[in-house]
Amino acid sequence: MRKTLFFVCLSMGLLARIYAQSGFQPSSATPSPTYPQTKSYLSFIIPWVTFQGKTVTPEFKTATTIGFPFGILVLYSATFGFSFEITPSIMYEHQTGKSPASKTSNVLFDPGPMFRFKHGWTFIPRVAFETGGRYGVTPVLNKIVARTKAINYFVAVSAPMRAGNSEPTSIGANLQIGFIFN
């Protein structure tokens, strides 16, 4: 898999370099971007609700969790790319009769392909591996809401589905807000 990805990146880079050196200029006023491109991003993510077995756990009731996803985007074209994301999470528990407690609760590694559409929409079907022993998939729908020369701001919703670690399968809903460095 790594070798295939390396050769695809190398081939795309060589083709882009040959194309750029050919001197051909598109007829439009703005030059088209050269691919592949590498970008990075930072964000934060808040789970809204989790359904696990017969239990529904809304956020903020007994605990508050916030994740801090950061990652690398490799864009192969205007319509396709790959995202490598790592998300450490902090949990703040509201303990009855005790002082509130906070801890690092999990680290998530969730890479996935990016299917990019017009008007800033992106669909990312991620695979997920958690240090807490859970694994699964996380489909993400992402929308760029503001663009500047240096940063693109985005909002995303996701539905993490997890299994493993001798626990019932779960599905949740999350909100993610962040920015991509151009």
N, C-alpha and C. Protein backbone atom coordinates (compact mmCIF):
# COMPACT_ATOMS: atom_id res chain seq x y z
N MET A 1 0.82 -1.20 0.00
CA MET A 1 0.00 0.00 0.00
C MET A 1 0.87 1.26 0.00
N ARG A 2 1.91 1.27 0.87
CA ARG A 2 2.79 2.43 0.93
C ARG A 2 3.54 2.62 -0.37
N LYS A 3 4.01 1.49 -0.95
CA LYS A 3 4.75 1.59 -2.20
C LYS A 3 3.84 2.11 -3.31
N THR A 4 2.61 1.61 -3.35
CA THR A 4 1.66 2.06 -4.37
C THR A 4 1.39 3.55 -4.22
N LEU A 5 1.13 3.99 -2.98
CA LEU A 5 0.88 5.41 -2.73
C LEU A 5 2.09 6.26 -3.10
N PHE A 6 3.31 5.77 -2.77
CA PHE A 6 4.52 6.49 -3.13
C PHE A 6 4.65 6.64 -4.64
N PHE A 7 4.42 5.55 -5.39
CA PHE A 7 4.55 5.61 -6.84
C PHE A 7 3.47 6.46 -7.49
N VAL A 8 2.26 6.44 -6.92
CA VAL A 8 1.21 7.31 -7.44
C VAL A 8 1.60 8.77 -7.24
N CYS A 9 2.08 9.11 -6.03
CA CYS A 9 2.51 10.49 -5.75
C CYS A 9 3.66 10.89 -6.67
N LEU A 10 4.63 10.00 -6.83
CA LEU A 10 5.78 10.29 -7.68
C LEU A 10 5.35 10.49 -9.13
N SER A 11 4.48 9.62 -9.64
CA SER A 11 4.00 9.74 -11.01
C SER A 11 3.22 11.03 -11.22
N MET A 12 2.34 11.34 -10.27
CA MET A 12 1.56 12.57 -10.39
C MET A 12 2.48 13.79 -10.35
N GLY A 13 3.49 13.75 -9.49
CA GLY A 13 4.43 14.86 -9.40
C GLY A 13 5.22 15.04 -10.69
N LEU A 14 5.67 13.92 -11.28
CA LEU A 14 6.40 14.00 -12.54
C LEU A 14 5.53 14.52 -13.67
N LEU A 15 4.29 14.03 -13.74
CA LEU A 15 3.37 14.51 -14.77
C LEU A 15 3.08 15.99 -14.61
N ALA A 16 2.88 16.43 -13.36
CA ALA A 16 2.62 17.85 -13.11
C ALA A 16 3.83 18.70 -13.49
N ARG A 17 5.03 18.22 -13.19
CA ARG A 17 6.24 18.96 -13.53
C ARG A 17 6.43 19.05 -15.05
N ILE A 18 6.20 17.95 -15.77
CA ILE A 18 6.31 17.96 -17.23
C ILE A 18 5.29 18.91 -17.82
N TYR A 19 4.06 18.87 -17.31
CA TYR A 19 3.00 19.75 -17.79
C TYR A 19 3.37 21.22 -17.55
N ALA A 20 3.90 21.52 -16.34
CA ALA A 20 4.26 22.90 -16.00
C ALA A 20 5.40 23.41 -16.88
N GLN A 21 6.34 22.55 -17.23
CA GLN A 21 7.48 22.95 -18.05
C GLN A 21 7.15 23.03 -19.53
N SER A 22 5.99 22.51 -19.93
CA SER A 22 5.64 22.51 -21.35
C SER A 22 5.32 23.90 -21.87
N GLY A 23 5.06 24.84 -20.97
CA GLY A 23 4.78 26.21 -21.39
C GLY A 23 3.33 26.43 -21.76
N PHE A 24 2.50 25.40 -21.70
CA PHE A 24 1.09 25.55 -22.03
C PHE A 24 0.39 26.34 -20.94
N GLN A 25 -0.35 27.36 -21.31
CA GLN A 25 -1.11 28.16 -20.36
C GLN A 25 -2.59 28.04 -20.70
N PRO A 26 -3.43 27.73 -19.72
CA PRO A 26 -4.86 27.66 -19.98
C PRO A 26 -5.40 29.02 -20.42
N SER A 27 -6.52 28.99 -21.13
CA SER A 27 -7.08 30.22 -21.67
C SER A 27 -7.76 31.09 -20.62
N SER A 28 -8.06 30.55 -19.44
CA SER A 28 -8.73 31.36 -18.41
C SER A 28 -7.75 32.36 -17.80
N ALA A 29 -8.30 33.37 -17.14
CA ALA A 29 -7.50 34.45 -16.57
C ALA A 29 -6.70 33.98 -15.34
N THR A 30 -7.26 33.06 -14.57
CA THR A 30 -6.55 32.58 -13.39
C THR A 30 -5.86 31.26 -13.72
N PRO A 31 -4.61 31.12 -13.32
CA PRO A 31 -3.90 29.88 -13.62
C PRO A 31 -4.47 28.73 -12.79
N SER A 32 -4.52 27.55 -13.38
CA SER A 32 -5.03 26.40 -12.63
C SER A 32 -3.95 25.91 -11.68
N PRO A 33 -4.35 25.36 -10.53
CA PRO A 33 -3.36 24.90 -9.55
C PRO A 33 -2.58 23.70 -10.08
N THR A 34 -1.36 23.56 -9.59
CA THR A 34 -0.51 22.43 -9.94
C THR A 34 -0.67 21.36 -8.87
N TYR A 35 -0.82 20.11 -9.29
CA TYR A 35 -0.98 18.99 -8.37
C TYR A 35 0.17 18.03 -8.55
N PRO A 36 0.52 17.27 -7.52
CA PRO A 36 -0.08 17.20 -6.19
C PRO A 36 0.31 18.39 -5.32
N GLN A 37 -0.56 18.68 -4.35
CA GLN A 37 -0.33 19.73 -3.37
C GLN A 37 -0.41 19.11 -1.97
N THR A 38 0.35 19.66 -1.05
CA THR A 38 0.29 19.21 0.34
C THR A 38 -0.12 20.40 1.20
N LYS A 39 -1.12 20.18 2.05
CA LYS A 39 -1.59 21.22 2.96
C LYS A 39 -1.74 20.62 4.34
N SER A 40 -1.81 21.47 5.35
CA SER A 40 -2.03 21.00 6.71
C SER A 40 -3.22 21.75 7.31
N TYR A 41 -3.78 21.19 8.39
CA TYR A 41 -4.91 21.84 9.02
C TYR A 41 -4.94 21.58 10.52
N LEU A 42 -5.64 22.45 11.22
CA LEU A 42 -5.91 22.34 12.65
C LEU A 42 -7.40 22.55 12.86
N SER A 43 -7.95 21.91 13.89
CA SER A 43 -9.39 22.08 14.15
C SER A 43 -9.71 21.61 15.56
N PHE A 44 -10.97 21.72 15.91
CA PHE A 44 -11.47 21.09 17.13
C PHE A 44 -12.78 20.40 16.80
N ILE A 45 -13.09 19.35 17.56
CA ILE A 45 -14.27 18.54 17.28
C ILE A 45 -15.00 18.27 18.59
N ILE A 46 -16.33 18.39 18.54
CA ILE A 46 -17.16 18.15 19.72
C ILE A 46 -18.22 17.10 19.36
N PRO A 47 -18.25 15.99 20.10
CA PRO A 47 -19.33 15.02 19.88
C PRO A 47 -20.66 15.59 20.36
N TRP A 48 -21.72 15.38 19.58
CA TRP A 48 -23.07 15.82 19.99
C TRP A 48 -23.76 14.74 20.79
N VAL A 49 -23.75 13.51 20.24
CA VAL A 49 -24.47 12.42 20.87
C VAL A 49 -23.84 11.10 20.42
N THR A 50 -23.93 10.07 21.30
CA THR A 50 -23.45 8.73 20.94
C THR A 50 -24.53 7.73 21.31
N PHE A 51 -24.81 6.81 20.39
CA PHE A 51 -25.75 5.72 20.60
C PHE A 51 -24.92 4.44 20.69
N GLN A 52 -25.00 3.75 21.86
CA GLN A 52 -24.24 2.52 22.04
C GLN A 52 -25.13 1.51 22.73
N GLY A 53 -25.44 0.43 22.02
CA GLY A 53 -26.38 -0.55 22.54
C GLY A 53 -27.74 0.12 22.72
N LYS A 54 -28.27 0.07 23.93
CA LYS A 54 -29.55 0.73 24.23
C LYS A 54 -29.35 2.05 24.97
N THR A 55 -28.11 2.54 25.00
CA THR A 55 -27.78 3.76 25.74
C THR A 55 -27.57 4.93 24.79
N VAL A 56 -28.17 6.06 25.13
CA VAL A 56 -27.96 7.31 24.39
C VAL A 56 -27.21 8.25 25.32
N THR A 57 -26.03 8.74 24.87
CA THR A 57 -25.22 9.62 25.69
C THR A 57 -25.09 10.98 25.01
N PRO A 58 -25.86 11.98 25.49
CA PRO A 58 -25.69 13.32 24.93
C PRO A 58 -24.44 13.99 25.52
N GLU A 59 -23.84 14.84 24.74
CA GLU A 59 -22.65 15.57 25.21
C GLU A 59 -23.07 16.60 26.26
N PHE A 60 -22.20 16.91 27.17
CA PHE A 60 -22.36 17.92 28.21
C PHE A 60 -23.20 17.48 29.40
N LYS A 61 -23.82 16.29 29.37
CA LYS A 61 -24.66 15.88 30.49
C LYS A 61 -23.82 15.43 31.68
N THR A 62 -22.99 14.40 31.51
CA THR A 62 -22.13 13.93 32.60
C THR A 62 -20.65 14.18 32.31
N ALA A 63 -20.34 14.43 31.05
CA ALA A 63 -18.95 14.69 30.67
C ALA A 63 -18.93 15.52 29.39
N THR A 64 -17.84 16.20 29.18
CA THR A 64 -17.64 16.98 27.97
C THR A 64 -16.32 16.51 27.35
N THR A 65 -16.37 16.17 26.08
CA THR A 65 -15.17 15.73 25.38
C THR A 65 -14.91 16.70 24.24
N ILE A 66 -13.64 17.06 24.07
CA ILE A 66 -13.27 17.89 22.92
C ILE A 66 -12.00 17.28 22.32
N GLY A 67 -12.03 17.13 21.00
CA GLY A 67 -10.88 16.61 20.28
C GLY A 67 -10.19 17.73 19.52
N PHE A 68 -8.93 17.54 19.26
CA PHE A 68 -8.14 18.54 18.55
C PHE A 68 -7.48 17.91 17.31
N PRO A 69 -8.27 17.66 16.26
CA PRO A 69 -7.72 17.04 15.06
C PRO A 69 -6.72 17.94 14.35
N PHE A 70 -5.65 17.34 13.89
CA PHE A 70 -4.69 18.02 13.02
C PHE A 70 -4.27 17.01 11.97
N GLY A 71 -3.91 17.51 10.80
CA GLY A 71 -3.58 16.55 9.76
C GLY A 71 -2.89 17.14 8.56
N ILE A 72 -2.59 16.24 7.65
CA ILE A 72 -1.95 16.55 6.38
C ILE A 72 -2.90 16.14 5.26
N LEU A 73 -3.09 17.02 4.29
CA LEU A 73 -3.89 16.73 3.11
C LEU A 73 -2.96 16.63 1.92
N VAL A 74 -3.08 15.58 1.15
CA VAL A 74 -2.35 15.44 -0.11
C VAL A 74 -3.39 15.49 -1.20
N LEU A 75 -3.40 16.58 -1.96
CA LEU A 75 -4.39 16.78 -3.02
C LEU A 75 -3.78 16.35 -4.35
N TYR A 76 -4.38 15.34 -4.97
CA TYR A 76 -3.87 14.83 -6.24
C TYR A 76 -4.50 15.52 -7.44
N SER A 77 -5.69 16.09 -7.25
CA SER A 77 -6.38 16.81 -8.31
C SER A 77 -7.42 17.72 -7.67
N ALA A 78 -8.19 18.40 -8.49
CA ALA A 78 -9.25 19.27 -7.96
C ALA A 78 -10.39 18.45 -7.37
N THR A 79 -10.43 17.15 -7.65
CA THR A 79 -11.54 16.32 -7.19
C THR A 79 -11.14 15.18 -6.26
N PHE A 80 -9.84 14.94 -6.07
CA PHE A 80 -9.43 13.79 -5.25
C PHE A 80 -8.18 14.11 -4.44
N GLY A 81 -8.14 13.56 -3.23
CA GLY A 81 -6.99 13.72 -2.37
C GLY A 81 -6.99 12.66 -1.29
N PHE A 82 -6.07 12.78 -0.34
CA PHE A 82 -5.98 11.85 0.78
C PHE A 82 -5.69 12.65 2.04
N SER A 83 -6.33 12.28 3.13
CA SER A 83 -6.18 12.98 4.39
C SER A 83 -5.63 12.04 5.45
N PHE A 84 -4.60 12.50 6.17
CA PHE A 84 -4.04 11.77 7.29
C PHE A 84 -4.31 12.60 8.53
N GLU A 85 -5.15 12.10 9.45
CA GLU A 85 -5.58 12.89 10.61
C GLU A 85 -5.27 12.17 11.91
N ILE A 86 -4.82 12.93 12.91
CA ILE A 86 -4.62 12.44 14.28
C ILE A 86 -5.41 13.35 15.21
N THR A 87 -6.17 12.74 16.13
CA THR A 87 -7.03 13.51 17.03
C THR A 87 -6.83 13.11 18.48
N PRO A 88 -6.07 13.87 19.24
CA PRO A 88 -6.06 13.64 20.69
C PRO A 88 -7.32 14.27 21.30
N SER A 89 -7.87 13.62 22.33
CA SER A 89 -9.10 14.11 22.96
C SER A 89 -8.89 14.31 24.46
N ILE A 90 -9.60 15.30 24.98
CA ILE A 90 -9.60 15.57 26.42
C ILE A 90 -11.03 15.44 26.92
N MET A 91 -11.21 14.74 28.04
CA MET A 91 -12.53 14.58 28.64
C MET A 91 -12.56 15.31 29.97
N TYR A 92 -13.62 16.08 30.17
CA TYR A 92 -13.84 16.82 31.41
C TYR A 92 -15.10 16.22 32.03
N GLU A 93 -14.94 15.50 33.15
CA GLU A 93 -16.06 14.82 33.80
C GLU A 93 -16.69 15.68 34.88
N HIS A 94 -18.02 15.72 34.89
CA HIS A 94 -18.78 16.45 35.90
C HIS A 94 -19.17 15.44 36.99
N GLN A 95 -18.33 15.26 37.98
CA GLN A 95 -18.56 14.25 39.01
C GLN A 95 -19.48 14.80 40.10
N THR A 96 -20.50 14.05 40.45
CA THR A 96 -21.44 14.46 41.49
C THR A 96 -20.77 14.42 42.86
N GLY A 97 -20.81 15.54 43.56
CA GLY A 97 -20.26 15.62 44.91
C GLY A 97 -18.75 15.70 44.96
N LYS A 98 -18.09 15.74 43.81
CA LYS A 98 -16.63 15.80 43.77
C LYS A 98 -16.20 16.95 42.87
N SER A 99 -14.94 17.26 42.93
CA SER A 99 -14.39 18.26 42.01
C SER A 99 -14.37 17.69 40.59
N PRO A 100 -14.63 18.52 39.60
CA PRO A 100 -14.55 18.05 38.22
C PRO A 100 -13.14 17.54 37.90
N ALA A 101 -13.08 16.54 37.03
CA ALA A 101 -11.79 15.95 36.65
C ALA A 101 -11.62 16.01 35.14
N SER A 102 -10.39 16.22 34.70
CA SER A 102 -10.13 16.19 33.26
C SER A 102 -8.96 15.26 33.00
N LYS A 103 -8.96 14.66 31.80
CA LYS A 103 -7.89 13.74 31.43
C LYS A 103 -7.84 13.61 29.91
N THR A 104 -6.67 13.19 29.42
CA THR A 104 -6.58 12.83 28.02
C THR A 104 -7.25 11.49 27.90
N SER A 105 -8.30 11.42 27.09
CA SER A 105 -9.10 10.21 27.07
C SER A 105 -8.80 9.28 25.91
N ASN A 106 -8.23 9.79 24.81
CA ASN A 106 -8.08 8.94 23.64
C ASN A 106 -7.23 9.65 22.60
N VAL A 107 -6.59 8.87 21.73
CA VAL A 107 -5.95 9.40 20.54
C VAL A 107 -6.47 8.58 19.37
N LEU A 108 -6.93 9.26 18.35
CA LEU A 108 -7.54 8.63 17.19
C LEU A 108 -6.68 8.88 15.97
N PHE A 109 -6.42 7.83 15.20
CA PHE A 109 -5.75 7.96 13.90
C PHE A 109 -6.77 7.55 12.86
N ASP A 110 -7.12 8.48 11.97
CA ASP A 110 -8.16 8.16 10.98
C ASP A 110 -7.86 8.74 9.60
N PRO A 111 -7.13 7.96 8.78
CA PRO A 111 -6.85 8.38 7.41
C PRO A 111 -8.04 8.08 6.50
N GLY A 112 -8.07 8.73 5.34
CA GLY A 112 -9.12 8.43 4.37
C GLY A 112 -8.97 9.22 3.09
N PRO A 113 -9.55 8.70 2.00
CA PRO A 113 -9.54 9.43 0.73
C PRO A 113 -10.50 10.61 0.80
N MET A 114 -10.22 11.63 0.00
CA MET A 114 -11.07 12.83 -0.04
C MET A 114 -11.68 12.93 -1.43
N PHE A 115 -12.99 13.02 -1.48
CA PHE A 115 -13.70 13.22 -2.74
C PHE A 115 -14.21 14.66 -2.73
N ARG A 116 -13.58 15.51 -3.53
CA ARG A 116 -13.82 16.95 -3.50
C ARG A 116 -14.83 17.33 -4.59
N PHE A 117 -15.78 18.18 -4.22
CA PHE A 117 -16.84 18.60 -5.13
C PHE A 117 -16.82 20.12 -5.29
N LYS A 118 -17.68 20.61 -6.15
CA LYS A 118 -17.77 22.05 -6.38
C LYS A 118 -18.29 22.76 -5.14
N HIS A 119 -18.00 24.06 -5.08
CA HIS A 119 -18.49 24.95 -4.03
C HIS A 119 -17.95 24.61 -2.64
N GLY A 120 -16.77 23.95 -2.57
CA GLY A 120 -16.12 23.72 -1.29
C GLY A 120 -16.57 22.50 -0.51
N TRP A 121 -17.38 21.62 -1.09
CA TRP A 121 -17.85 20.42 -0.40
C TRP A 121 -16.85 19.29 -0.58
N THR A 122 -16.64 18.51 0.48
CA THR A 122 -15.75 17.34 0.43
C THR A 122 -16.36 16.21 1.25
N PHE A 123 -16.30 14.99 0.70
CA PHE A 123 -16.72 13.80 1.44
C PHE A 123 -15.47 12.97 1.73
N ILE A 124 -15.29 12.58 3.01
CA ILE A 124 -14.11 11.82 3.43
C ILE A 124 -14.57 10.57 4.19
N PRO A 125 -14.52 9.40 3.56
CA PRO A 125 -14.83 8.16 4.29
C PRO A 125 -13.58 7.65 4.99
N ARG A 126 -13.45 7.93 6.27
CA ARG A 126 -12.24 7.60 7.03
C ARG A 126 -12.35 6.23 7.68
N VAL A 127 -11.20 5.56 7.84
CA VAL A 127 -11.11 4.41 8.73
C VAL A 127 -10.59 4.96 10.06
N ALA A 128 -10.91 4.29 11.16
CA ALA A 128 -10.58 4.85 12.47
C ALA A 128 -9.95 3.80 13.38
N PHE A 129 -8.87 4.21 14.04
CA PHE A 129 -8.18 3.35 14.99
C PHE A 129 -7.92 4.17 16.25
N GLU A 130 -8.52 3.76 17.38
CA GLU A 130 -8.40 4.51 18.63
C GLU A 130 -7.44 3.80 19.59
N THR A 131 -6.70 4.58 20.37
CA THR A 131 -5.80 3.99 21.37
C THR A 131 -6.59 3.32 22.49
N GLY A 132 -7.86 3.65 22.63
CA GLY A 132 -8.72 3.02 23.63
C GLY A 132 -9.17 1.62 23.22
N GLY A 133 -8.71 1.13 22.06
CA GLY A 133 -9.04 -0.23 21.64
C GLY A 133 -10.21 -0.34 20.68
N ARG A 134 -10.82 0.76 20.31
CA ARG A 134 -11.96 0.73 19.39
C ARG A 134 -11.47 1.00 17.97
N TYR A 135 -12.24 0.57 17.00
CA TYR A 135 -11.91 0.78 15.59
C TYR A 135 -13.22 0.90 14.81
N GLY A 136 -13.14 1.42 13.60
CA GLY A 136 -14.35 1.54 12.79
C GLY A 136 -14.16 2.46 11.62
N VAL A 137 -15.23 3.17 11.28
CA VAL A 137 -15.22 4.12 10.17
C VAL A 137 -15.84 5.43 10.63
N THR A 138 -15.47 6.51 9.95
CA THR A 138 -16.02 7.83 10.23
C THR A 138 -16.30 8.54 8.91
N PRO A 139 -17.53 8.47 8.41
CA PRO A 139 -17.84 9.28 7.23
C PRO A 139 -17.95 10.75 7.62
N VAL A 140 -17.31 11.63 6.83
CA VAL A 140 -17.26 13.05 7.14
C VAL A 140 -17.75 13.85 5.94
N LEU A 141 -18.62 14.82 6.19
CA LEU A 141 -19.04 15.77 5.16
C LEU A 141 -18.51 17.13 5.58
N ASN A 142 -17.66 17.71 4.72
CA ASN A 142 -16.91 18.92 5.04
C ASN A 142 -17.30 20.02 4.06
N LYS A 143 -17.36 21.27 4.55
CA LYS A 143 -17.69 22.42 3.71
C LYS A 143 -16.76 23.57 4.05
N ILE A 144 -16.06 24.10 3.05
CA ILE A 144 -15.25 25.30 3.26
C ILE A 144 -16.22 26.48 3.27
N VAL A 145 -16.20 27.25 4.35
CA VAL A 145 -17.16 28.34 4.51
C VAL A 145 -16.57 29.72 4.25
N ALA A 146 -15.24 29.84 4.29
CA ALA A 146 -14.59 31.12 3.99
C ALA A 146 -13.19 30.84 3.47
N ARG A 147 -12.77 31.63 2.48
CA ARG A 147 -11.44 31.46 1.87
C ARG A 147 -10.67 32.76 1.96
N THR A 148 -9.40 32.66 2.33
CA THR A 148 -8.49 33.79 2.25
C THR A 148 -7.24 33.27 1.53
N LYS A 149 -6.31 34.16 1.27
CA LYS A 149 -5.09 33.74 0.59
C LYS A 149 -4.28 32.76 1.44
N ALA A 150 -4.29 32.94 2.75
CA ALA A 150 -3.48 32.12 3.64
C ALA A 150 -4.23 30.94 4.27
N ILE A 151 -5.54 31.09 4.50
CA ILE A 151 -6.29 30.09 5.26
C ILE A 151 -7.68 29.87 4.66
N ASN A 152 -8.14 28.62 4.64
CA ASN A 152 -9.53 28.28 4.33
C ASN A 152 -10.18 27.79 5.62
N TYR A 153 -11.33 28.33 5.96
CA TYR A 153 -12.06 27.94 7.16
C TYR A 153 -13.12 26.91 6.77
N PHE A 154 -13.27 25.85 7.60
CA PHE A 154 -14.23 24.81 7.26
C PHE A 154 -15.07 24.39 8.45
N VAL A 155 -16.21 23.79 8.15
CA VAL A 155 -17.10 23.17 9.12
C VAL A 155 -17.39 21.77 8.60
N ALA A 156 -17.41 20.78 9.50
CA ALA A 156 -17.67 19.41 9.09
C ALA A 156 -18.59 18.73 10.10
N VAL A 157 -19.37 17.79 9.60
CA VAL A 157 -20.15 16.91 10.46
C VAL A 157 -19.71 15.49 10.15
N SER A 158 -19.69 14.65 11.19
CA SER A 158 -19.27 13.27 10.99
C SER A 158 -20.14 12.34 11.81
N ALA A 159 -20.15 11.07 11.40
CA ALA A 159 -20.92 10.03 12.09
C ALA A 159 -19.99 8.86 12.41
N PRO A 160 -19.22 8.95 13.52
CA PRO A 160 -18.28 7.88 13.85
C PRO A 160 -18.99 6.60 14.25
N MET A 161 -18.60 5.49 13.64
CA MET A 161 -19.13 4.17 13.96
C MET A 161 -17.96 3.34 14.49
N ARG A 162 -18.11 2.80 15.71
CA ARG A 162 -17.01 2.08 16.35
C ARG A 162 -17.45 0.71 16.85
N ALA A 163 -16.49 -0.20 16.88
CA ALA A 163 -16.68 -1.55 17.41
C ALA A 163 -15.42 -1.92 18.17
N GLY A 164 -15.44 -3.09 18.79
CA GLY A 164 -14.24 -3.61 19.44
C GLY A 164 -14.14 -3.28 20.91
N ASN A 165 -13.09 -3.82 21.54
CA ASN A 165 -12.78 -3.60 22.95
C ASN A 165 -13.87 -4.16 23.87
N SER A 166 -14.53 -5.25 23.43
CA SER A 166 -15.57 -5.93 24.21
C SER A 166 -16.71 -5.01 24.61
N GLU A 167 -17.02 -4.03 23.76
CA GLU A 167 -18.13 -3.11 24.00
C GLU A 167 -19.11 -3.20 22.85
N PRO A 168 -20.38 -2.81 23.05
CA PRO A 168 -21.33 -2.81 21.95
C PRO A 168 -20.92 -1.81 20.86
N THR A 169 -21.34 -2.06 19.66
CA THR A 169 -21.08 -1.15 18.55
C THR A 169 -21.76 0.18 18.84
N SER A 170 -21.11 1.27 18.43
CA SER A 170 -21.66 2.61 18.68
C SER A 170 -21.67 3.42 17.39
N ILE A 171 -22.54 4.41 17.38
CA ILE A 171 -22.58 5.40 16.31
C ILE A 171 -22.83 6.75 16.96
N GLY A 172 -22.21 7.78 16.43
CA GLY A 172 -22.36 9.10 17.03
C GLY A 172 -22.51 10.18 15.99
N ALA A 173 -22.59 11.41 16.45
CA ALA A 173 -22.66 12.59 15.58
C ALA A 173 -21.73 13.64 16.16
N ASN A 174 -20.86 14.21 15.31
CA ASN A 174 -19.86 15.19 15.76
C ASN A 174 -19.93 16.45 14.92
N LEU A 175 -19.45 17.55 15.50
CA LEU A 175 -19.27 18.82 14.79
C LEU A 175 -17.80 19.18 14.85
N GLN A 176 -17.22 19.52 13.70
CA GLN A 176 -15.80 19.89 13.62
C GLN A 176 -15.68 21.25 12.96
N ILE A 177 -14.84 22.11 13.52
CA ILE A 177 -14.59 23.44 12.97
C ILE A 177 -13.07 23.65 12.93
N GLY A 178 -12.57 24.16 11.81
CA GLY A 178 -11.13 24.34 11.72
C GLY A 178 -10.69 25.18 10.55
N PHE A 179 -9.38 25.16 10.30
CA PHE A 179 -8.84 25.94 9.19
C PHE A 179 -7.70 25.17 8.53
N ILE A 180 -7.61 25.35 7.21
CA ILE A 180 -6.60 24.72 6.37
C ILE A 180 -5.60 25.79 5.97
N PHE A 181 -4.32 25.51 6.14
CA PHE A 181 -3.28 26.44 5.73
C PHE A 181 -3.03 26.27 4.23
N ASN A 182 -3.15 27.35 3.47
CA ASN A 182 -2.95 27.28 2.02
C ASN A 182 -1.49 27.37 1.65
